[in-house]
């Protein structure tokens, strides 16, 4: 039993560790990340509905971010702090009640991707695939 626990813990650390280890973005890379990112969150296929939300995220040079999620005539706004590495972007929410408390994106140039369980503006919590492009 102890061996399984250690193996499971090491697996989680190996998946999450590199994102945390990268730390803040060096000043020369900030211009690659700061700005407005736009995209969509698509719900993974379900039997009844497939939700879609339009997203706008603004990253500022002081390490803050704000976002607006729009879906079915509703809006959901969030704020927090961001940090990034050469190929990651992490958004940490200000609100302690927000689940997940952070979103971790993989970044390739001007495009960022993530998968997370999110409460959509229409009120349902679901697993979504998120794609953002810097504009």
N, C-alpha and C. Protein backbone atom coordinates (compact mmCIF):
# COMPACT_ATOMS: atom_id res chain seq x y z
N UNK A 1 0.83 -1.19 0.00
CA UNK A 1 0.00 0.00 0.00
C UNK A 1 0.87 1.25 0.00
N UNK A 2 1.91 1.28 0.85
CA UNK A 2 2.78 2.44 0.94
C UNK A 2 3.47 2.69 -0.40
N UNK A 3 3.86 1.60 -1.06
CA UNK A 3 4.55 1.71 -2.34
C UNK A 3 3.64 2.32 -3.40
N UNK A 4 2.38 1.94 -3.44
CA UNK A 4 1.43 2.53 -4.39
C UNK A 4 1.24 4.02 -4.14
N UNK A 5 1.18 4.40 -2.86
CA UNK A 5 1.01 5.81 -2.52
C UNK A 5 2.20 6.63 -3.00
N UNK A 6 3.41 6.13 -2.78
CA UNK A 6 4.61 6.84 -3.22
C UNK A 6 4.65 6.95 -4.74
N UNK A 7 4.32 5.87 -5.44
CA UNK A 7 4.32 5.89 -6.90
C UNK A 7 3.28 6.88 -7.41
N UNK A 8 2.10 6.89 -6.83
CA UNK A 8 1.05 7.83 -7.23
C UNK A 8 1.49 9.27 -6.98
N UNK A 9 2.08 9.54 -5.82
CA UNK A 9 2.54 10.90 -5.50
C UNK A 9 3.63 11.35 -6.47
N UNK A 10 4.57 10.48 -6.78
CA UNK A 10 5.63 10.83 -7.73
C UNK A 10 5.07 11.07 -9.12
N UNK A 11 4.05 10.33 -9.51
CA UNK A 11 3.43 10.54 -10.81
C UNK A 11 2.80 11.92 -10.90
N UNK A 12 2.09 12.32 -9.86
CA UNK A 12 1.46 13.64 -9.83
C UNK A 12 2.53 14.73 -9.84
N UNK A 13 3.56 14.60 -9.04
CA UNK A 13 4.63 15.60 -8.99
C UNK A 13 5.32 15.71 -10.34
N UNK A 14 5.55 14.60 -11.01
CA UNK A 14 6.23 14.64 -12.30
C UNK A 14 5.37 15.32 -13.36
N UNK A 15 4.04 15.23 -13.25
CA UNK A 15 3.16 15.90 -14.21
C UNK A 15 3.05 17.39 -13.92
N UNK A 16 2.95 17.77 -12.66
CA UNK A 16 2.70 19.16 -12.27
C UNK A 16 3.99 19.92 -12.04
N UNK A 17 5.03 19.26 -11.59
CA UNK A 17 6.28 19.90 -11.22
C UNK A 17 6.86 20.85 -12.24
N UNK A 18 6.98 20.46 -13.53
CA UNK A 18 7.62 21.34 -14.50
C UNK A 18 6.93 22.69 -14.66
N UNK A 19 5.59 22.74 -14.52
CA UNK A 19 4.89 24.02 -14.64
C UNK A 19 5.29 24.94 -13.51
N UNK A 20 5.36 24.44 -12.28
CA UNK A 20 5.72 25.29 -11.15
C UNK A 20 7.19 25.65 -11.16
N UNK A 21 8.03 24.73 -11.62
CA UNK A 21 9.47 24.95 -11.59
C UNK A 21 9.92 26.05 -12.55
N UNK A 22 9.13 26.34 -13.58
CA UNK A 22 9.56 27.31 -14.56
C UNK A 22 9.56 28.74 -14.03
N UNK A 23 8.71 29.05 -13.07
CA UNK A 23 8.71 30.36 -12.46
C UNK A 23 8.18 31.45 -13.38
N UNK A 24 8.45 32.72 -13.02
CA UNK A 24 7.92 33.84 -13.78
C UNK A 24 8.61 33.99 -15.14
N UNK A 25 7.95 34.73 -16.00
CA UNK A 25 8.49 34.97 -17.32
C UNK A 25 9.64 35.97 -17.24
N UNK A 26 10.78 35.68 -17.86
CA UNK A 26 11.86 36.66 -17.90
C UNK A 26 11.39 37.91 -18.66
N UNK A 27 11.91 39.09 -18.32
CA UNK A 27 11.45 40.32 -18.97
C UNK A 27 11.49 40.29 -20.49
N UNK A 28 12.49 39.64 -21.08
CA UNK A 28 12.59 39.61 -22.54
C UNK A 28 11.48 38.78 -23.17
N UNK A 29 10.83 37.87 -22.42
CA UNK A 29 9.74 37.06 -22.95
C UNK A 29 8.36 37.61 -22.62
N UNK A 30 8.28 38.62 -21.76
CA UNK A 30 7.00 39.17 -21.35
C UNK A 30 6.19 39.66 -22.54
N UNK A 31 6.85 40.29 -23.51
CA UNK A 31 6.13 40.81 -24.67
C UNK A 31 5.46 39.71 -25.47
N UNK A 32 5.94 38.47 -25.35
CA UNK A 32 5.31 37.34 -26.05
C UNK A 32 3.99 36.93 -25.41
N UNK A 33 3.77 37.29 -24.15
CA UNK A 33 2.61 36.81 -23.41
C UNK A 33 1.62 37.93 -23.11
N UNK A 34 2.11 39.10 -22.75
CA UNK A 34 1.24 40.21 -22.36
C UNK A 34 0.38 40.64 -23.54
N UNK A 35 -0.88 40.92 -23.25
CA UNK A 35 -1.81 41.36 -24.27
C UNK A 35 -3.15 40.68 -24.12
N UNK A 36 -3.94 40.72 -25.17
CA UNK A 36 -5.28 40.14 -25.17
C UNK A 36 -5.26 38.81 -25.92
N UNK A 37 -5.84 37.81 -25.29
CA UNK A 37 -5.97 36.46 -25.86
C UNK A 37 -7.46 36.19 -26.03
N UNK A 38 -7.84 35.68 -27.18
CA UNK A 38 -9.25 35.37 -27.45
C UNK A 38 -9.37 33.93 -27.92
N UNK A 39 -10.51 33.34 -27.58
CA UNK A 39 -10.73 31.97 -28.02
C UNK A 39 -12.04 31.41 -27.54
N UNK A 40 -12.09 30.10 -27.44
CA UNK A 40 -13.32 29.40 -27.08
C UNK A 40 -13.04 28.25 -26.14
N UNK A 41 -14.06 27.91 -25.37
CA UNK A 41 -14.06 26.71 -24.54
C UNK A 41 -15.18 25.83 -25.06
N UNK A 42 -14.84 24.61 -25.46
CA UNK A 42 -15.82 23.65 -25.97
C UNK A 42 -15.98 22.52 -24.98
N UNK A 43 -17.22 22.23 -24.65
CA UNK A 43 -17.49 21.09 -23.78
C UNK A 43 -17.21 19.80 -24.52
N UNK A 44 -16.58 18.85 -23.79
CA UNK A 44 -16.41 17.53 -24.40
C UNK A 44 -17.79 16.99 -24.71
N UNK A 45 -17.88 16.20 -25.73
CA UNK A 45 -19.17 15.68 -26.18
C UNK A 45 -19.97 15.07 -25.03
N UNK A 46 -21.24 15.42 -25.01
CA UNK A 46 -22.14 14.85 -24.01
C UNK A 46 -23.38 14.33 -24.72
N UNK A 47 -24.19 13.61 -23.98
CA UNK A 47 -25.39 13.04 -24.58
C UNK A 47 -26.46 14.09 -24.86
N UNK A 48 -26.49 15.18 -24.09
CA UNK A 48 -27.59 16.13 -24.17
C UNK A 48 -27.20 17.44 -24.84
N UNK A 49 -26.13 18.04 -24.40
CA UNK A 49 -25.74 19.37 -24.88
C UNK A 49 -24.26 19.38 -25.19
N UNK A 50 -23.84 20.34 -25.96
CA UNK A 50 -22.42 20.59 -26.09
C UNK A 50 -22.26 22.10 -25.98
N UNK A 51 -21.85 22.54 -24.77
CA UNK A 51 -21.71 23.95 -24.51
C UNK A 51 -20.47 24.54 -25.15
N UNK A 52 -20.57 25.84 -25.46
CA UNK A 52 -19.44 26.56 -26.02
C UNK A 52 -19.46 27.96 -25.44
N UNK A 53 -18.32 28.44 -24.98
CA UNK A 53 -18.21 29.79 -24.44
C UNK A 53 -17.11 30.54 -25.18
N UNK A 54 -17.34 31.81 -25.44
CA UNK A 54 -16.32 32.69 -26.02
C UNK A 54 -15.54 33.31 -24.87
N UNK A 55 -14.21 33.36 -25.00
CA UNK A 55 -13.35 33.82 -23.91
C UNK A 55 -12.46 34.96 -24.39
N UNK A 56 -12.30 35.98 -23.53
CA UNK A 56 -11.32 37.03 -23.74
C UNK A 56 -10.51 37.15 -22.45
N UNK A 57 -9.19 36.98 -22.55
CA UNK A 57 -8.30 37.08 -21.40
C UNK A 57 -7.29 38.18 -21.69
N UNK A 58 -7.14 39.11 -20.73
CA UNK A 58 -6.16 40.19 -20.86
C UNK A 58 -5.08 40.01 -19.82
N UNK A 59 -3.83 39.89 -20.27
CA UNK A 59 -2.67 39.76 -19.39
C UNK A 59 -1.92 41.09 -19.38
N UNK A 60 -1.65 41.61 -18.18
CA UNK A 60 -0.95 42.89 -18.06
C UNK A 60 0.49 42.66 -17.61
N UNK A 61 1.39 43.62 -17.88
CA UNK A 61 2.81 43.46 -17.53
C UNK A 61 3.06 43.31 -16.03
N UNK A 62 2.13 43.77 -15.18
CA UNK A 62 2.33 43.68 -13.73
C UNK A 62 1.99 42.30 -13.16
N UNK A 63 1.70 41.32 -14.03
CA UNK A 63 1.41 39.97 -13.57
C UNK A 63 -0.04 39.71 -13.24
N UNK A 64 -0.95 40.62 -13.60
CA UNK A 64 -2.38 40.45 -13.35
C UNK A 64 -3.08 40.04 -14.65
N UNK A 65 -4.23 39.39 -14.51
CA UNK A 65 -5.05 39.04 -15.66
C UNK A 65 -6.51 39.26 -15.32
N UNK A 66 -7.32 39.44 -16.36
CA UNK A 66 -8.78 39.50 -16.20
C UNK A 66 -9.37 38.75 -17.40
N UNK A 67 -10.54 38.16 -17.17
CA UNK A 67 -11.18 37.42 -18.26
C UNK A 67 -12.68 37.65 -18.26
N UNK A 68 -13.25 37.47 -19.43
CA UNK A 68 -14.69 37.49 -19.62
C UNK A 68 -15.06 36.26 -20.42
N UNK A 69 -15.96 35.44 -19.87
CA UNK A 69 -16.49 34.27 -20.56
C UNK A 69 -17.93 34.60 -20.93
N UNK A 70 -18.29 34.44 -22.21
CA UNK A 70 -19.65 34.71 -22.68
C UNK A 70 -20.25 33.43 -23.25
N UNK A 71 -21.49 33.17 -22.79
CA UNK A 71 -22.19 31.98 -23.26
C UNK A 71 -23.68 32.17 -23.06
N UNK A 72 -24.45 31.90 -24.10
CA UNK A 72 -25.92 31.92 -24.03
C UNK A 72 -26.45 33.20 -23.40
N UNK A 73 -25.89 34.34 -23.78
CA UNK A 73 -26.35 35.63 -23.27
C UNK A 73 -25.91 35.95 -21.85
N UNK A 74 -25.06 35.15 -21.27
CA UNK A 74 -24.56 35.39 -19.91
C UNK A 74 -23.06 35.68 -19.95
N UNK A 75 -22.60 36.41 -18.93
CA UNK A 75 -21.17 36.71 -18.81
C UNK A 75 -20.65 36.28 -17.45
N UNK A 76 -19.41 35.86 -17.43
CA UNK A 76 -18.74 35.49 -16.19
C UNK A 76 -17.37 36.15 -16.21
N UNK A 77 -17.06 36.96 -15.19
CA UNK A 77 -15.79 37.68 -15.12
C UNK A 77 -14.92 37.12 -14.00
N UNK A 78 -13.61 37.09 -14.25
CA UNK A 78 -12.64 36.59 -13.27
C UNK A 78 -11.38 37.44 -13.34
N UNK A 79 -10.61 37.42 -12.25
CA UNK A 79 -9.32 38.10 -12.20
C UNK A 79 -8.33 37.25 -11.42
N UNK A 80 -7.06 37.60 -11.53
CA UNK A 80 -6.05 36.88 -10.78
C UNK A 80 -4.66 37.29 -11.19
N UNK A 81 -3.70 36.41 -10.88
CA UNK A 81 -2.29 36.62 -11.23
C UNK A 81 -1.88 35.57 -12.25
N UNK A 82 -0.94 35.92 -13.11
CA UNK A 82 -0.45 34.97 -14.10
C UNK A 82 1.07 34.84 -13.99
N UNK A 83 1.56 33.69 -14.41
CA UNK A 83 2.99 33.49 -14.61
C UNK A 83 3.15 32.48 -15.74
N UNK A 84 4.31 32.50 -16.37
CA UNK A 84 4.51 31.67 -17.54
C UNK A 84 5.95 31.22 -17.64
N UNK A 85 6.13 30.18 -18.43
CA UNK A 85 7.45 29.67 -18.76
C UNK A 85 7.59 29.69 -20.27
N UNK A 86 8.63 29.10 -20.79
CA UNK A 86 8.84 29.11 -22.24
C UNK A 86 7.67 28.51 -23.03
N UNK A 87 7.00 27.51 -22.47
CA UNK A 87 5.88 26.91 -23.19
C UNK A 87 4.65 26.69 -22.32
N UNK A 88 4.53 27.45 -21.24
CA UNK A 88 3.36 27.34 -20.37
C UNK A 88 2.80 28.73 -20.03
N UNK A 89 1.55 28.73 -19.62
CA UNK A 89 0.89 29.93 -19.12
C UNK A 89 -0.04 29.46 -18.00
N UNK A 90 0.11 30.02 -16.81
CA UNK A 90 -0.69 29.61 -15.66
C UNK A 90 -1.48 30.82 -15.16
N UNK A 91 -2.79 30.66 -15.06
CA UNK A 91 -3.68 31.70 -14.52
C UNK A 91 -4.15 31.24 -13.15
N UNK A 92 -3.82 32.01 -12.12
CA UNK A 92 -4.27 31.70 -10.76
C UNK A 92 -5.36 32.70 -10.39
N UNK A 93 -6.50 32.17 -9.93
CA UNK A 93 -7.66 32.99 -9.61
C UNK A 93 -7.49 33.71 -8.28
N UNK A 94 -8.07 34.94 -8.18
CA UNK A 94 -8.09 35.68 -6.92
C UNK A 94 -9.04 35.05 -5.92
N UNK A 95 -10.18 34.56 -6.40
CA UNK A 95 -11.22 34.01 -5.53
C UNK A 95 -10.85 32.62 -5.05
N UNK A 96 -10.95 32.41 -3.75
CA UNK A 96 -10.65 31.09 -3.16
C UNK A 96 -11.74 30.06 -3.51
N UNK A 97 -12.94 30.52 -3.86
CA UNK A 97 -14.04 29.60 -4.16
C UNK A 97 -14.00 29.09 -5.59
N UNK A 98 -13.18 29.68 -6.45
CA UNK A 98 -13.15 29.28 -7.85
C UNK A 98 -12.53 27.90 -8.00
N UNK A 99 -13.20 27.05 -8.76
CA UNK A 99 -12.65 25.74 -9.09
C UNK A 99 -12.54 25.63 -10.59
N UNK A 100 -11.43 25.30 -11.10
CA UNK A 100 -10.17 25.02 -10.43
C UNK A 100 -9.53 26.32 -9.95
N UNK A 101 -8.64 26.26 -8.94
CA UNK A 101 -8.00 27.48 -8.44
C UNK A 101 -6.99 28.07 -9.42
N UNK A 102 -6.59 27.27 -10.41
CA UNK A 102 -5.68 27.76 -11.45
C UNK A 102 -5.94 27.00 -12.74
N UNK A 103 -5.64 27.67 -13.86
CA UNK A 103 -5.71 27.02 -15.17
C UNK A 103 -4.29 26.98 -15.72
N UNK A 104 -3.84 25.82 -16.14
CA UNK A 104 -2.51 25.67 -16.71
C UNK A 104 -2.63 25.39 -18.20
N UNK A 105 -2.05 26.28 -19.00
CA UNK A 105 -2.09 26.17 -20.45
C UNK A 105 -0.73 25.72 -20.98
N UNK A 106 -0.74 25.00 -22.07
CA UNK A 106 0.46 24.74 -22.86
C UNK A 106 0.46 25.79 -23.94
N UNK A 107 1.60 26.42 -24.16
CA UNK A 107 1.66 27.53 -25.11
C UNK A 107 2.64 27.19 -26.22
N UNK A 108 2.21 27.44 -27.45
CA UNK A 108 3.05 27.31 -28.63
C UNK A 108 2.97 28.63 -29.38
N UNK A 109 3.93 29.50 -29.15
CA UNK A 109 3.91 30.81 -29.80
C UNK A 109 2.71 31.63 -29.35
N UNK A 110 1.84 31.95 -30.29
CA UNK A 110 0.69 32.80 -30.03
C UNK A 110 -0.60 32.02 -29.72
N UNK A 111 -0.48 30.72 -29.44
CA UNK A 111 -1.64 29.88 -29.16
C UNK A 111 -1.44 29.16 -27.83
N UNK A 112 -2.50 29.09 -27.01
CA UNK A 112 -2.45 28.39 -25.72
C UNK A 112 -3.63 27.42 -25.63
N UNK A 113 -3.37 26.21 -25.08
CA UNK A 113 -4.38 25.16 -24.99
C UNK A 113 -4.48 24.65 -23.56
N UNK A 114 -5.69 24.27 -23.13
CA UNK A 114 -5.89 23.68 -21.80
C UNK A 114 -7.13 22.81 -21.82
N UNK A 115 -7.21 21.93 -20.84
CA UNK A 115 -8.40 21.13 -20.57
C UNK A 115 -8.66 21.24 -19.09
N UNK A 116 -9.90 21.53 -18.70
CA UNK A 116 -10.21 21.72 -17.29
C UNK A 116 -11.70 21.49 -17.04
N UNK A 117 -12.04 21.29 -15.77
CA UNK A 117 -13.43 21.27 -15.34
C UNK A 117 -13.76 22.69 -14.91
N UNK A 118 -14.73 23.30 -15.58
CA UNK A 118 -15.06 24.71 -15.41
C UNK A 118 -16.56 24.87 -15.20
N UNK A 119 -16.94 25.86 -14.40
CA UNK A 119 -18.35 26.25 -14.31
C UNK A 119 -18.61 27.26 -15.43
N UNK A 120 -19.38 26.86 -16.42
CA UNK A 120 -19.69 27.73 -17.55
C UNK A 120 -20.66 28.83 -17.12
N UNK A 121 -20.70 29.96 -17.85
CA UNK A 121 -21.61 31.05 -17.48
C UNK A 121 -23.08 30.64 -17.38
N UNK A 122 -23.49 29.63 -18.15
CA UNK A 122 -24.89 29.20 -18.09
C UNK A 122 -25.21 28.43 -16.81
N UNK A 123 -24.16 28.08 -16.01
CA UNK A 123 -24.41 27.47 -14.71
C UNK A 123 -23.97 26.04 -14.54
N UNK A 124 -23.68 25.33 -15.63
CA UNK A 124 -23.26 23.94 -15.51
C UNK A 124 -21.75 23.84 -15.37
N UNK A 125 -21.29 22.92 -14.54
CA UNK A 125 -19.86 22.60 -14.47
C UNK A 125 -19.61 21.41 -15.38
N UNK A 126 -18.59 21.53 -16.21
CA UNK A 126 -18.32 20.49 -17.18
C UNK A 126 -16.85 20.52 -17.59
N UNK A 127 -16.39 19.47 -18.23
CA UNK A 127 -15.02 19.41 -18.74
C UNK A 127 -14.99 20.08 -20.10
N UNK A 128 -14.06 21.03 -20.26
CA UNK A 128 -13.96 21.77 -21.51
C UNK A 128 -12.54 21.73 -22.05
N UNK A 129 -12.44 21.90 -23.33
CA UNK A 129 -11.17 22.08 -24.02
C UNK A 129 -11.09 23.55 -24.41
N UNK A 130 -10.00 24.22 -24.02
CA UNK A 130 -9.87 25.67 -24.22
C UNK A 130 -8.74 25.93 -25.21
N UNK A 131 -8.98 26.80 -26.18
CA UNK A 131 -7.96 27.24 -27.11
C UNK A 131 -8.01 28.77 -27.18
N UNK A 132 -6.87 29.41 -26.92
CA UNK A 132 -6.76 30.87 -26.97
C UNK A 132 -5.68 31.27 -27.97
N UNK A 133 -5.92 32.37 -28.68
CA UNK A 133 -4.94 32.93 -29.60
C UNK A 133 -4.70 34.38 -29.22
N UNK A 134 -3.43 34.77 -29.18
CA UNK A 134 -3.08 36.15 -28.82
C UNK A 134 -3.42 37.04 -30.01
N UNK A 135 -4.14 38.13 -29.72
CA UNK A 135 -4.54 39.03 -30.79
C UNK A 135 -3.84 40.37 -30.67
